[in-house]
Amino acid sequence: MSSLTQFNKSIHEFVADLKKMNVLPNEIKKLETYIEVTKINARLLIRNFQTFFLRDLFVFKVLQDDANFFINYVPNDKELQNDKTALQLIQRIQHVVTVMLQNNQMKEITNTFNWLKILVFHAYNDLGIDSTQKFKSLQMNTNINN
């Protein structure tokens, strides 16, 4: 199975898992509708994810399960002007994780980060980047902005 197929399968499973968690059902319904686009354009979601989420700092924080980073993340002026899609993705993660923290849903937060790790893994592989090596290098890199 290709990395693209695995990514799209995983994103559908992730949204189904979020639906079972019963966190922000209206947001999850919108997300369900959005991911249906993969039936028309299989590359759309992975391309956006690769462009806007595969940033060393974000991936590093996902690998650390750093919910506080995503809740407190404030985009800089350049991001606000150039990366509207990234900003929307980050804001959705912030919202979901904030609600989970408020409801003391720690297991659900862990599940969310595990799904993000899976998506990152497949997105890197699709780019021809060895995900395992990339994860190791990020975890060993002490120069990533905290």
C-alpha atoms as a PDB file:
ATOM      1  CA  MET A   1       0.000   0.000   0.000  1.00  0.00           C
ATOM      2  CA  SER A   2       1.430   3.420  -0.927  1.00  0.00           C
ATOM      3  CA  SER A   3       2.162   6.137   1.636  1.00  0.00           C
ATOM      4  CA  LEU A   4      -0.589   8.247   0.054  1.00  0.00           C
ATOM      5  CA  THR A   5      -3.144   5.470   0.489  1.00  0.00           C
ATOM      6  CA  GLN A   6      -1.996   4.847   4.056  1.00  0.00           C
ATOM      7  CA  PHE A   7      -2.224   8.572   4.860  1.00  0.00           C
ATOM      8  CA  ASN A   8      -5.756   8.871   3.463  1.00  0.00           C
ATOM      9  CA  LYS A   9      -6.874   5.683   5.219  1.00  0.00           C
ATOM     10  CA  SER A  10      -5.367   6.930   8.488  1.00  0.00           C
ATOM     11  CA  ILE A  11      -7.001  10.346   8.258  1.00  0.00           C
ATOM     12  CA  HIS A  12     -10.409   8.702   7.785  1.00  0.00           C
ATOM     13  CA  GLU A  13      -9.732   6.438  10.791  1.00  0.00           C
ATOM     14  CA  PHE A  14      -8.525   9.424  12.842  1.00  0.00           C
ATOM     15  CA  VAL A  15     -11.728  11.351  12.172  1.00  0.00           C
ATOM     16  CA  ALA A  16     -13.801   8.254  12.986  1.00  0.00           C
ATOM     17  CA  ASP A  17     -11.884   7.966  16.269  1.00  0.00           C
ATOM     18  CA  LEU A  18     -12.492  11.659  17.040  1.00  0.00           C
ATOM     19  CA  LYS A  19     -16.178  11.072  16.377  1.00  0.00           C
ATOM     20  CA  LYS A  20     -16.190   8.225  18.933  1.00  0.00           C
ATOM     21  CA  MET A  21     -14.532  10.532  21.479  1.00  0.00           C
ATOM     22  CA  ASN A  22     -17.576  12.809  21.128  1.00  0.00           C
ATOM     23  CA  VAL A  23     -15.491  15.979  21.279  1.00  0.00           C
ATOM     24  CA  LEU A  24     -16.870  18.935  19.336  1.00  0.00           C
ATOM     25  CA  PRO A  25     -19.295  16.890  17.206  1.00  0.00           C
ATOM     26  CA  ASN A  26     -20.095  19.830  14.883  1.00  0.00           C
ATOM     27  CA  GLU A  27     -16.398  20.397  14.144  1.00  0.00           C
ATOM     28  CA  ILE A  28     -15.898  16.678  13.518  1.00  0.00           C
ATOM     29  CA  LYS A  29     -18.843  16.646  11.115  1.00  0.00           C
ATOM     30  CA  LYS A  30     -17.224  19.496   9.135  1.00  0.00           C
ATOM     31  CA  LEU A  31     -13.942  17.607   9.115  1.00  0.00           C
ATOM     32  CA  GLU A  32     -15.709  14.456   7.890  1.00  0.00           C
ATOM     33  CA  THR A  33     -17.180  16.393   5.000  1.00  0.00           C
ATOM     34  CA  TYR A  34     -13.808  17.980   4.205  1.00  0.00           C
ATOM     35  CA  ILE A  35     -11.914  14.676   4.065  1.00  0.00           C
ATOM     36  CA  GLU A  36     -14.419  13.253   1.609  1.00  0.00           C
ATOM     37  CA  VAL A  37     -12.494  15.291  -0.989  1.00  0.00           C
ATOM     38  CA  THR A  38      -9.929  12.469  -1.008  1.00  0.00           C
ATOM     39  CA  LYS A  39     -12.393  10.505  -3.118  1.00  0.00           C
ATOM     40  CA  ILE A  40     -12.056  13.187  -5.817  1.00  0.00           C
ATOM     41  CA  ASN A  41      -8.457  14.354  -5.295  1.00  0.00           C
ATOM     42  CA  ALA A  42      -6.427  11.821  -3.305  1.00  0.00           C
ATOM     43  CA  ARG A  43      -3.399  14.136  -3.017  1.00  0.00           C
ATOM     44  CA  LEU A  44      -5.184  17.237  -1.705  1.00  0.00           C
ATOM     45  CA  LEU A  45      -5.100  16.447   2.008  1.00  0.00           C
ATOM     46  CA  ILE A  46      -1.591  15.039   2.127  1.00  0.00           C
ATOM     47  CA  ARG A  47      -0.235  17.948   0.061  1.00  0.00           C
ATOM     48  CA  ASN A  48      -1.747  20.504   2.458  1.00  0.00           C
ATOM     49  CA  PHE A  49      -0.562  18.518   5.463  1.00  0.00           C
ATOM     50  CA  GLN A  50       2.969  18.293   4.048  1.00  0.00           C
ATOM     51  CA  THR A  51       3.052  21.974   3.177  1.00  0.00           C
ATOM     52  CA  PHE A  52       1.570  23.414   6.332  1.00  0.00           C
ATOM     53  CA  PHE A  53       2.147  20.906   9.128  1.00  0.00           C
ATOM     54  CA  LEU A  54       5.460  19.175   8.409  1.00  0.00           C
ATOM     55  CA  ARG A  55       7.497  21.836  10.157  1.00  0.00           C
ATOM     56  CA  ASP A  56      10.269  20.636  12.414  1.00  0.00           C
ATOM     57  CA  LEU A  57       8.927  22.504  15.447  1.00  0.00           C
ATOM     58  CA  PHE A  58       5.365  21.165  15.040  1.00  0.00           C
ATOM     59  CA  VAL A  59       6.493  17.591  14.453  1.00  0.00           C
ATOM     60  CA  PHE A  60       8.905  17.806  17.398  1.00  0.00           C
ATOM     61  CA  LYS A  61       6.050  18.962  19.657  1.00  0.00           C
ATOM     62  CA  VAL A  62       3.786  16.185  18.349  1.00  0.00           C
ATOM     63  CA  LEU A  63       6.492  13.632  19.144  1.00  0.00           C
ATOM     64  CA  GLN A  64       6.606  15.052  22.679  1.00  0.00           C
ATOM     65  CA  ASP A  65       2.794  15.018  23.043  1.00  0.00           C
ATOM     66  CA  ASP A  66       3.095  18.706  23.967  1.00  0.00           C
ATOM     67  CA  ALA A  67      -0.520  19.800  24.272  1.00  0.00           C
ATOM     68  CA  ASN A  68       0.499  23.085  25.906  1.00  0.00           C
ATOM     69  CA  PHE A  69       2.540  24.067  22.854  1.00  0.00           C
ATOM     70  CA  PHE A  70      -0.482  23.750  20.581  1.00  0.00           C
ATOM     71  CA  ILE A  71      -2.815  25.494  23.011  1.00  0.00           C
ATOM     72  CA  ASN A  72      -0.431  28.412  23.513  1.00  0.00           C
ATOM     73  CA  TYR A  73       0.960  28.639  19.975  1.00  0.00           C
ATOM     74  CA  VAL A  74       0.699  32.138  18.552  1.00  0.00           C
ATOM     75  CA  PRO A  75       1.480  32.439  14.842  1.00  0.00           C
ATOM     76  CA  ASN A  76       3.886  35.157  13.782  1.00  0.00           C
ATOM     77  CA  ASP A  77       2.943  37.910  11.315  1.00  0.00           C
ATOM     78  CA  LYS A  78       4.411  36.024   8.352  1.00  0.00           C
ATOM     79  CA  GLU A  79       2.307  32.938   9.139  1.00  0.00           C
ATOM     80  CA  LEU A  80      -0.811  35.054   9.515  1.00  0.00           C
ATOM     81  CA  GLN A  81      -0.253  36.561   6.067  1.00  0.00           C
ATOM     82  CA  ASN A  82       0.978  33.523   4.154  1.00  0.00           C
ATOM     83  CA  ASP A  83      -0.336  30.340   5.700  1.00  0.00           C
ATOM     84  CA  LYS A  84      -4.093  30.678   6.264  1.00  0.00           C
ATOM     85  CA  THR A  85      -4.535  26.915   5.893  1.00  0.00           C
ATOM     86  CA  ALA A  86      -1.819  26.223   8.465  1.00  0.00           C
ATOM     87  CA  LEU A  87      -3.352  28.738  10.826  1.00  0.00           C
ATOM     88  CA  GLN A  88      -6.781  27.109  10.523  1.00  0.00           C
ATOM     89  CA  LEU A  89      -5.297  23.657  11.148  1.00  0.00           C
ATOM     90  CA  ILE A  90      -3.401  24.889  14.200  1.00  0.00           C
ATOM     91  CA  GLN A  91      -6.489  26.665  15.538  1.00  0.00           C
ATOM     92  CA  ARG A  92      -8.555  23.480  15.170  1.00  0.00           C
ATOM     93  CA  ILE A  93      -5.925  21.472  17.035  1.00  0.00           C
ATOM     94  CA  GLN A  94      -5.834  24.183  19.706  1.00  0.00           C
ATOM     95  CA  HIS A  95      -9.606  24.091  20.068  1.00  0.00           C
ATOM     96  CA  VAL A  96      -9.906  20.298  20.232  1.00  0.00           C
ATOM     97  CA  VAL A  97      -7.011  19.894  22.680  1.00  0.00           C
ATOM     98  CA  THR A  98      -8.275  22.773  24.858  1.00  0.00           C
ATOM     99  CA  VAL A  99     -11.712  21.175  25.131  1.00  0.00           C
ATOM    100  CA  MET A 100     -10.151  17.790  25.914  1.00  0.00           C
ATOM    101  CA  LEU A 101      -7.980  19.339  28.638  1.00  0.00           C
ATOM    102  CA  GLN A 102     -10.945  21.182  30.114  1.00  0.00           C
ATOM    103  CA  ASN A 103     -12.822  17.874  30.240  1.00  0.00           C
ATOM    104  CA  ASN A 104      -9.764  16.049  31.625  1.00  0.00           C
ATOM    105  CA  GLN A 105      -9.759  13.706  28.621  1.00  0.00           C
ATOM    106  CA  MET A 106      -6.081  12.764  28.816  1.00  0.00           C
ATOM    107  CA  LYS A 107      -6.540   9.427  27.038  1.00  0.00           C
ATOM    108  CA  GLU A 108      -8.185  11.238  24.123  1.00  0.00           C
ATOM    109  CA  ILE A 109      -5.329  13.760  23.964  1.00  0.00           C
ATOM    110  CA  THR A 110      -2.835  10.889  23.808  1.00  0.00           C
ATOM    111  CA  ASN A 111      -4.908   9.258  21.034  1.00  0.00           C
ATOM    112  CA  THR A 112      -4.973  12.535  19.096  1.00  0.00           C
ATOM    113  CA  PHE A 113      -1.197  12.870  19.263  1.00  0.00           C
ATOM    114  CA  ASN A 114      -0.767   9.220  18.276  1.00  0.00           C
ATOM    115  CA  TRP A 115      -2.914   9.806  15.186  1.00  0.00           C
ATOM    116  CA  LEU A 116      -0.912  12.926  14.332  1.00  0.00           C
ATOM    117  CA  LYS A 117       2.299  10.874  14.586  1.00  0.00           C
ATOM    118  CA  ILE A 118       0.860   8.313  12.172  1.00  0.00           C
ATOM    119  CA  LEU A 119      -0.158  11.038   9.708  1.00  0.00           C
ATOM    120  CA  VAL A 120       3.280  12.688   9.958  1.00  0.00           C
ATOM    121  CA  PHE A 121       4.943   9.302   9.398  1.00  0.00           C
ATOM    122  CA  HIS A 122       3.023   8.645   6.173  1.00  0.00           C
ATOM    123  CA  ALA A 123       3.400  12.246   4.971  1.00  0.00           C
ATOM    124  CA  TYR A 124       7.200  12.094   5.334  1.00  0.00           C
ATOM    125  CA  ASN A 125       7.367   8.700   3.614  1.00  0.00           C
ATOM    126  CA  ASP A 126       5.301  10.058   0.731  1.00  0.00           C
ATOM    127  CA  LEU A 127       7.965  12.745   0.263  1.00  0.00           C
ATOM    128  CA  GLY A 128      10.682  10.093   0.173  1.00  0.00           C
ATOM    129  CA  ILE A 129      11.906  11.036   3.656  1.00  0.00           C
ATOM    130  CA  ASP A 130      12.683   8.165   6.028  1.00  0.00           C
ATOM    131  CA  SER A 131      10.211   8.919   8.831  1.00  0.00           C
ATOM    132  CA  THR A 132      12.027   6.877  11.450  1.00  0.00           C
ATOM    133  CA  GLN A 133      15.300   8.706  10.784  1.00  0.00           C
ATOM    134  CA  LYS A 134      13.531  12.085  10.708  1.00  0.00           C
ATOM    135  CA  PHE A 135      11.855  11.395  14.060  1.00  0.00           C
ATOM    136  CA  LYS A 136      15.200  10.392  15.587  1.00  0.00           C
ATOM    137  CA  SER A 137      16.963  13.474  14.243  1.00  0.00           C
ATOM    138  CA  LEU A 138      14.229  15.789  15.561  1.00  0.00           C
ATOM    139  CA  GLN A 139      14.328  14.205  19.000  1.00  0.00           C
ATOM    140  CA  MET A 140      18.114  14.539  19.140  1.00  0.00           C
ATOM    141  CA  ASN A 141      18.181  18.114  17.826  1.00  0.00           C
ATOM    142  CA  THR A 142      18.515  20.567  20.707  1.00  0.00           C
ATOM    143  CA  ASN A 143      18.314  23.603  18.393  1.00  0.00           C
ATOM    144  CA  ILE A 144      14.575  23.360  17.725  1.00  0.00           C
ATOM    145  CA  ASN A 145      12.846  26.457  19.125  1.00  0.00           C
ATOM    146  CA  ASN A 146      10.886  25.574  22.223  1.00  0.00           C
END
